[in-house]
Amino acid sequence: MSLGWLSFLMEVEYQEEFIRNSRGVQLFTCRWLPSSSSPKALVFLCHGYGMECSEFMKRVGTGLAGAGYAVYGMDYEGHGKSDGRRCYIRKFGNVVADCDRFFKSICVKEDYINKSRFLYGESMGGAVALLLHKRDPTFWDGAVLVAPMCKISEEMKPSPLVVNILTQVEDIIPTWKIVPTKQIVDTAFRDPVKREEIRHNKLIYQDKPRLKTALELLRTSMELEDSLSKVSLPFLVLHGEADTVTDPEVSRALYERASSVDKTITLYAGMWHGLTSGEPDDNVEKVFSDVITWLDHRAHERPGRSPSIRNITCVDASPSPKVKRWPSGATAERRPSGGFCFGWKGRTEPHSAL
C-alpha cells in the first residue's frame, strides 16, 4: 500500500547485496538511494525483533530516500533473508557488532566520508542503535528511535524467581521456543489492512521466542536501563501513547535521563506501536514528516556543534496553542498490556514480538 505523499518525493533506486559477517554467516543488506542527486546524509536502519528490512521497512527506506537520504539496512543473523537459525540470538553483542561493521563500511566510502550519519531504530532496533552509540560514542551524528526497547517498565519486569529458573536451563535448551508470548501483531499494528499484510509477510518470524533469545533481550534492556544517562548523541524519540508492546514511559525515561544536549521526544495520542507501518496513512505521514524535519535540521551538523535543545512534543487530539498537536483519530487511553517485549505475563499463543 503506497502513501500519496510519497508521490511528491524524488525518485528512489533500490539495491540488494549479501555479505558475510565475522562468523561466516551470510547476511542480507539493502539500500534505498535518491537516484538523481547526492544524498543529504546517511541513515542506517535497525529493525525490530522478528522483523526484516526489504519488505517490512520498505516504506521507511523509500520515504527517507525520497526525501534525499541514502538509507541502508541489514537483516540480522537469523532474521529476514539472512542465514542462521530463525530468530535465535545467542549473543546480542553479535547483532550490534554485525551492524557496526556493515554500517561503518558504508560510511568510509569515498562519496560518503564527509556525510553526516544517523541511526534509525524501531523497537528492538532502538536498543541496537543505542548500543552502537555506546560502542563508539562520537561516531554517530544522531539517532531516530521509534518506540525503542531500552528499559523495562516496572509492572512488566519478570520476577527474579522466573528469571533465575530460566537462566538455569538456558544453556541446556537455548533454542527451545518455550517463552510465553501474546498476539503481538494484533496489538502492535492498528490499521487492519496493514496488520494483515504484516501477518502474511513470510519473512517475519511469528513463532514463540527462543529461550536464549528472550533472556538476551531481557539482559540487554536491563543493561540499557542502567546506562541511559550515558546516552549523549542527538536523538529524536517517538512513541505512541496507546502502545502496549513497549511502554511510552520507556521513552520518557530515556529522554529524562540521557545526557544529550539535543534531544526531542514526541508522543502521539491514540497511536499504537507500529508508528510507521501499522497506523492509518494520515498518521504515518505525520510521523514521517516529524522524522524528516528533524533530520533535515541536523544533516549537515557534526557532534558537538549542535546547540542545547530540549523539546517535548505531545501530539494529542485536543487543540492547544501551547504545544504542537496532531489528531490521531483515537483516544490516548492505554489498552491492557500483556508484557514487555515478549509478553512475559501475557497469553501463550505462538506469535512474534517486535
Protein backbone atom coordinates (compact mmCIF):
# COMPACT_ATOMS: atom_id res chain seq x y z
CA MET A 1 0.00 0.00 0.00
CA SER A 2 1.52 3.31 -1.04
CA LEU A 3 1.13 6.67 0.62
CA GLY A 4 0.02 9.59 -1.54
CA TRP A 5 2.65 11.92 -0.12
CA LEU A 6 5.43 9.70 -1.47
CA SER A 7 4.50 10.77 -5.00
CA PHE A 8 5.87 14.24 -4.20
CA LEU A 9 9.30 12.90 -3.27
CA MET A 10 12.25 12.32 -5.57
CA GLU A 11 12.80 9.08 -7.48
CA VAL A 12 14.43 6.27 -5.49
CA GLU A 13 16.78 3.49 -6.52
CA TYR A 14 16.69 0.17 -4.61
CA GLN A 15 19.56 -2.35 -4.43
CA GLU A 16 20.30 -5.61 -2.58
CA GLU A 17 23.53 -7.37 -1.64
CA PHE A 18 24.68 -10.27 0.53
CA ILE A 19 27.72 -10.00 2.80
CA ARG A 20 29.35 -12.32 5.36
CA ASN A 21 29.85 -11.46 8.99
CA SER A 22 32.94 -12.28 11.06
CA ARG A 23 31.43 -15.70 11.90
CA GLY A 24 31.00 -16.60 8.22
CA VAL A 25 27.20 -16.21 8.20
CA GLN A 26 25.65 -14.72 5.07
CA LEU A 27 23.66 -11.57 5.81
CA PHE A 28 21.20 -9.74 3.59
CA THR A 29 21.66 -6.00 3.06
CA CYS A 30 19.66 -3.48 1.08
CA ARG A 31 19.69 0.22 0.28
CA TRP A 32 17.41 2.95 -1.00
CA LEU A 33 19.17 5.84 -2.72
CA PRO A 34 18.00 9.10 -4.28
CA SER A 35 18.60 8.41 -7.96
CA SER A 36 19.10 11.95 -9.22
CA SER A 37 21.19 13.68 -6.56
CA SER A 38 23.89 13.19 -3.94
CA PRO A 39 22.29 12.24 -0.59
CA LYS A 40 21.96 14.82 2.17
CA ALA A 41 23.22 12.30 4.72
CA LEU A 42 23.28 8.59 5.55
CA VAL A 43 20.58 6.78 7.53
CA PHE A 44 21.10 3.22 8.81
CA LEU A 45 18.08 1.09 9.68
CA CYS A 46 17.96 -1.16 12.74
CA HIS A 47 14.83 -3.31 12.52
CA GLY A 48 12.88 -4.86 15.38
CA TYR A 49 12.91 -8.40 16.73
CA GLY A 50 11.49 -10.88 14.22
CA MET A 51 11.30 -8.22 11.52
CA GLU A 52 13.28 -7.54 8.34
CA CYS A 53 14.25 -4.64 6.10
CA SER A 54 13.35 -5.33 2.47
CA GLU A 55 9.56 -5.53 2.88
CA PHE A 56 8.62 -4.53 6.42
CA MET A 57 10.80 -1.40 6.40
CA LYS A 58 10.28 -0.62 2.73
CA ARG A 59 8.11 2.42 3.48
CA VAL A 60 10.77 3.82 5.80
CA GLY A 61 13.53 3.28 3.26
CA THR A 62 11.53 4.68 0.38
CA GLY A 63 10.26 7.65 2.36
CA LEU A 64 13.65 8.73 3.67
CA ALA A 65 15.44 8.15 0.35
CA GLY A 66 12.70 10.10 -1.39
CA ALA A 67 13.46 12.96 0.99
CA GLY A 68 17.08 12.89 -0.14
CA TYR A 69 18.79 10.43 2.24
CA ALA A 70 20.87 7.35 1.45
CA VAL A 71 19.25 4.59 3.50
CA TYR A 72 20.94 1.28 4.33
CA GLY A 73 19.52 -1.74 6.11
CA MET A 74 20.66 -5.22 7.11
CA ASP A 75 18.68 -8.26 8.26
CA TYR A 76 20.25 -9.53 11.48
CA GLU A 77 21.53 -13.11 11.60
CA GLY A 78 18.52 -15.41 11.75
CA HIS A 79 16.16 -12.67 10.55
CA GLY A 80 14.52 -11.99 7.20
CA LYS A 81 16.65 -13.09 4.24
CA SER A 82 19.82 -13.60 6.29
CA ASP A 83 21.13 -17.06 7.13
CA GLY A 84 21.10 -18.52 10.62
CA ARG A 85 18.63 -20.27 12.92
CA ARG A 86 15.42 -18.29 12.75
CA CYS A 87 15.32 -15.58 15.39
CA TYR A 88 17.93 -17.20 17.58
CA ILE A 89 20.05 -14.51 19.22
CA ARG A 90 22.81 -16.38 21.03
CA LYS A 91 24.53 -13.14 21.95
CA PHE A 92 23.01 -9.69 21.47
CA GLY A 93 26.50 -8.28 21.09
CA ASN A 94 26.82 -10.20 17.82
CA VAL A 95 23.87 -8.27 16.36
CA VAL A 96 25.47 -4.97 17.38
CA ALA A 97 28.90 -5.99 16.07
CA ASP A 98 27.47 -7.04 12.68
CA CYS A 99 25.65 -3.72 12.31
CA ASP A 100 28.72 -1.77 13.40
CA ARG A 101 30.91 -3.49 10.85
CA PHE A 102 28.50 -3.13 7.92
CA PHE A 103 27.36 0.42 8.67
CA LYS A 104 30.91 1.72 9.06
CA SER A 105 31.95 0.02 5.81
CA ILE A 106 29.44 2.30 4.09
CA CYS A 107 30.45 5.44 5.99
CA VAL A 108 34.09 5.20 4.87
CA LYS A 109 33.25 5.08 1.16
CA GLU A 110 34.82 8.00 -0.71
CA ASP A 111 31.48 9.53 -1.69
CA TYR A 112 30.20 9.34 1.89
CA ILE A 113 33.21 10.11 4.06
CA ASN A 114 32.05 13.67 4.80
CA LYS A 115 28.34 12.88 5.07
CA SER A 116 26.51 13.03 8.36
CA ARG A 117 25.40 9.61 9.55
CA PHE A 118 22.29 8.77 11.52
CA LEU A 119 20.89 5.64 13.12
CA TYR A 120 17.21 4.77 12.84
CA GLY A 121 15.92 2.07 15.20
CA GLU A 122 12.45 0.64 15.75
CA SER A 123 11.56 -1.31 18.92
CA MET A 124 14.44 -3.75 19.50
CA GLY A 125 16.27 -1.83 16.78
CA GLY A 126 16.24 1.14 19.14
CA ALA A 127 18.32 -0.94 21.56
CA VAL A 128 20.70 -1.84 18.72
CA ALA A 129 21.07 1.84 17.83
CA LEU A 130 21.79 2.87 21.42
CA LEU A 131 24.37 0.11 21.81
CA LEU A 132 26.04 1.18 18.56
CA HIS A 133 26.29 4.65 20.07
CA LYS A 134 27.65 3.20 23.32
CA ARG A 135 30.23 1.22 21.33
CA ASP A 136 31.55 4.37 19.61
CA PRO A 137 30.06 7.47 21.33
CA THR A 138 31.39 10.13 18.94
CA PHE A 139 30.90 8.37 15.61
CA TRP A 140 27.18 8.91 15.00
CA ASP A 141 25.59 12.30 14.36
CA GLY A 142 22.21 11.36 15.77
CA ALA A 143 19.52 8.73 16.11
CA VAL A 144 15.81 8.41 15.44
CA LEU A 145 14.29 5.97 17.95
CA VAL A 146 10.77 4.70 17.29
CA ALA A 147 9.16 3.00 20.32
CA PRO A 148 12.60 1.84 21.47
CA MET A 149 13.30 -1.16 23.68
CA CYS A 150 15.62 0.46 26.20
CA LYS A 151 14.01 -0.09 29.59
CA ILE A 152 11.52 -2.50 31.13
CA SER A 153 8.56 -0.89 32.80
CA GLU A 154 8.31 -1.90 36.45
CA GLU A 155 4.97 -3.64 36.03
CA MET A 156 6.34 -5.81 33.24
CA LYS A 157 9.61 -6.98 34.78
CA PRO A 158 9.58 -10.76 35.26
CA SER A 159 10.15 -11.82 38.84
CA PRO A 160 13.70 -12.71 39.92
CA LEU A 161 12.46 -16.26 40.54
CA VAL A 162 11.26 -16.66 36.95
CA VAL A 163 14.50 -15.22 35.56
CA ASN A 164 16.55 -17.50 37.82
CA ILE A 165 14.69 -20.61 36.68
CA LEU A 166 15.05 -19.75 33.01
CA THR A 167 18.71 -18.86 33.43
CA GLN A 168 19.40 -22.29 34.95
CA VAL A 169 18.30 -24.04 31.74
CA GLU A 170 19.27 -21.53 29.03
CA ASP A 171 22.48 -23.36 28.10
CA ILE A 172 20.69 -26.72 28.10
CA ILE A 173 17.75 -25.78 25.87
CA PRO A 174 18.78 -22.40 24.39
CA THR A 175 16.81 -22.72 21.15
CA TRP A 176 13.59 -24.08 22.60
CA LYS A 177 10.53 -21.98 21.85
CA ILE A 178 9.08 -22.01 25.35
CA VAL A 179 8.72 -18.33 26.28
CA PRO A 180 5.05 -17.29 26.65
CA THR A 181 4.01 -14.53 24.29
CA LYS A 182 0.83 -12.78 23.28
CA GLN A 183 -0.75 -11.92 19.95
CA ILE A 184 1.65 -9.07 19.17
CA VAL A 185 0.54 -8.43 15.58
CA ASP A 186 -2.97 -7.66 16.79
CA THR A 187 -1.76 -5.24 19.46
CA ALA A 188 1.11 -3.53 17.61
CA PHE A 189 -0.47 -2.56 14.29
CA ARG A 190 -3.64 -0.53 14.40
CA ASP A 191 -4.71 -0.42 10.74
CA PRO A 192 -6.48 -3.75 9.94
CA VAL A 193 -5.34 -3.88 6.30
CA LYS A 194 -1.70 -3.23 7.15
CA ARG A 195 -1.99 -5.67 10.03
CA GLU A 196 -2.96 -8.44 7.61
CA GLU A 197 -0.13 -7.50 5.23
CA ILE A 198 2.32 -7.92 8.08
CA ARG A 199 0.74 -11.17 9.23
CA HIS A 200 1.22 -12.63 5.74
CA ASN A 201 4.84 -11.50 5.37
CA LYS A 202 6.68 -14.85 5.41
CA LEU A 203 9.99 -13.12 6.17
CA ILE A 204 8.70 -12.07 9.60
CA TYR A 205 9.17 -14.54 12.44
CA GLN A 206 5.80 -15.31 14.06
CA ASP A 207 6.53 -18.14 16.47
CA LYS A 208 7.33 -18.21 20.19
CA PRO A 209 10.64 -16.59 21.18
CA ARG A 210 13.52 -18.97 21.85
CA LEU A 211 14.67 -19.15 25.47
CA LYS A 212 18.18 -17.79 24.91
CA THR A 213 16.84 -15.00 22.70
CA ALA A 214 14.32 -13.89 25.32
CA LEU A 215 16.95 -13.78 28.05
CA GLU A 216 19.38 -11.88 25.82
CA LEU A 217 16.73 -9.22 25.17
CA LEU A 218 15.89 -9.04 28.86
CA ARG A 219 19.54 -8.57 29.79
CA THR A 220 20.04 -6.02 27.04
CA SER A 221 17.06 -3.98 28.22
CA MET A 222 18.30 -4.02 31.79
CA GLU A 223 21.80 -3.05 30.68
CA LEU A 224 20.44 -0.10 28.72
CA GLU A 225 18.19 0.94 31.59
CA ASP A 226 21.23 1.19 33.85
CA SER A 227 23.14 3.33 31.34
CA LEU A 228 20.54 5.75 29.96
CA SER A 229 22.45 8.67 31.48
CA LYS A 230 25.39 7.83 29.22
CA VAL A 231 23.39 8.47 26.04
CA SER A 232 24.92 11.65 24.65
CA LEU A 233 24.17 11.81 20.94
CA PRO A 234 21.39 13.97 19.46
CA PHE A 235 18.18 11.95 19.25
CA LEU A 236 14.51 12.06 18.39
CA VAL A 237 12.39 9.50 20.24
CA LEU A 238 8.85 8.81 19.04
CA HIS A 239 6.21 6.76 20.82
CA GLY A 240 2.50 6.08 20.54
CA GLU A 241 0.74 6.72 23.83
CA ALA A 242 -1.51 3.70 23.25
CA ASP A 243 1.48 1.39 22.67
CA THR A 244 1.17 -1.83 24.69
CA VAL A 245 4.26 -3.53 23.26
CA THR A 246 6.83 -1.08 24.63
CA ASP A 247 5.67 1.28 27.35
CA PRO A 248 5.79 5.01 26.42
CA GLU A 249 7.28 5.59 29.87
CA VAL A 250 10.37 3.87 28.49
CA SER A 251 10.86 6.72 26.05
CA ARG A 252 10.13 9.28 28.75
CA ALA A 253 12.82 7.71 30.91
CA LEU A 254 15.31 7.84 28.04
CA TYR A 255 14.52 11.49 27.41
CA GLU A 256 14.78 12.48 31.05
CA ARG A 257 17.95 10.55 31.88
CA ALA A 258 20.00 10.97 28.70
CA SER A 259 22.84 13.48 28.93
CA SER A 260 22.31 14.60 25.31
CA VAL A 261 22.01 18.35 24.90
CA ASP A 262 19.99 17.91 21.71
CA LYS A 263 17.05 15.63 22.45
CA THR A 264 13.42 15.60 21.42
CA ILE A 265 10.52 13.38 22.43
CA THR A 266 7.22 13.21 20.57
CA LEU A 267 4.27 11.25 21.99
CA TYR A 268 1.31 10.54 19.72
CA ALA A 269 -2.06 10.24 21.40
CA GLY A 270 -4.02 7.15 20.39
CA MET A 271 -1.27 5.68 18.25
CA TRP A 272 -0.01 2.13 18.75
CA HIS A 273 3.43 0.51 18.48
CA GLY A 274 3.86 0.39 14.70
CA LEU A 275 4.05 4.14 14.03
CA THR A 276 5.49 3.83 10.51
CA SER A 277 3.95 0.52 9.48
CA GLY A 278 0.67 -0.04 11.27
CA GLU A 279 -1.09 3.30 11.58
CA PRO A 280 -3.61 4.86 9.14
CA ASP A 281 -1.87 6.72 6.32
CA ASP A 282 -2.52 10.20 7.75
CA ASN A 283 -0.78 9.23 10.98
CA VAL A 284 2.14 7.61 9.16
CA GLU A 285 2.54 10.74 7.07
CA LYS A 286 2.73 12.85 10.21
CA VAL A 287 5.37 10.60 11.77
CA PHE A 288 7.48 10.70 8.61
CA SER A 289 7.14 14.46 8.43
CA ASP A 290 8.44 14.76 12.00
CA VAL A 291 11.37 12.43 11.28
CA ILE A 292 12.39 14.16 8.05
CA THR A 293 12.10 17.62 9.61
CA TRP A 294 14.34 16.53 12.48
CA LEU A 295 16.91 15.00 10.12
CA ASP A 296 16.88 17.99 7.76
CA HIS A 297 17.83 20.33 10.62
CA ARG A 298 20.83 18.15 11.52
CA ALA A 299 22.00 16.64 8.24
CA HIS A 300 24.98 18.99 7.98
CA GLU A 301 25.96 19.13 11.64
CA ARG A 302 28.66 17.15 13.38
CA PRO A 303 28.68 16.09 17.06
CA GLY A 304 29.44 18.93 19.42
CA ARG A 305 28.20 21.68 17.12
CA SER A 306 24.54 21.42 17.96
CA PRO A 307 23.02 23.99 20.29
CA SER A 308 21.44 22.81 23.51
CA ILE A 309 17.95 21.68 22.59
CA ARG A 310 15.29 20.17 24.87
CA ASN A 311 11.93 19.64 23.32
CA ILE A 312 8.90 17.66 24.41
CA THR A 313 6.04 17.36 21.93
CA CYS A 314 2.76 15.78 22.97
CA VAL A 315 0.65 15.07 19.91
CA ASP A 316 -2.94 14.97 21.07
CA ALA A 317 -6.43 15.09 19.63
CA SER A 318 -7.35 18.21 21.58
CA PRO A 319 -6.07 21.53 20.13
CA SER A 320 -3.94 23.72 22.37
CA PRO A 321 -1.93 26.83 21.49
CA LYS A 322 0.97 25.83 23.77
CA VAL A 323 2.03 22.51 22.22
CA LYS A 324 2.12 21.01 18.77
CA ARG A 325 -0.91 18.76 18.29
CA TRP A 326 -1.89 16.02 15.89
CA PRO A 327 -5.39 14.48 15.70
CA SER A 328 -4.72 10.76 15.81
CA GLY A 329 -8.31 9.71 15.34
CA ALA A 330 -8.27 7.76 18.61
CA THR A 331 -8.14 8.40 22.31
CA ALA A 332 -4.91 8.15 24.22
CA GLU A 333 -6.26 5.55 26.62
CA ARG A 334 -3.78 2.70 27.04
CA ARG A 335 -5.05 -0.80 26.38
CA PRO A 336 -4.13 -3.60 28.81
CA SER A 337 -0.61 -4.77 28.11
CA GLY A 338 0.36 -8.41 28.03
CA GLY A 339 4.02 -7.81 28.78
CA PHE A 340 7.21 -6.14 27.78
CA CYS A 341 8.99 -7.41 24.67
CA PHE A 342 7.61 -10.93 24.68
CA GLY A 343 4.55 -10.62 26.88
CA TRP A 344 6.05 -12.45 29.88
CA LYS A 345 2.75 -12.08 31.68
CA GLY A 346 0.56 -12.45 28.60
CA ARG A 347 -1.19 -15.26 26.79
CA THR A 348 0.68 -18.20 25.35
CA GLU A 349 -0.26 -18.04 21.67
CA PRO A 350 2.82 -18.53 19.43
CA HIS A 351 3.35 -15.13 17.86
CA SER A 352 6.28 -12.83 17.36
CA ALA A 353 7.15 -9.79 19.37
CA LEU A 354 8.89 -6.79 17.86
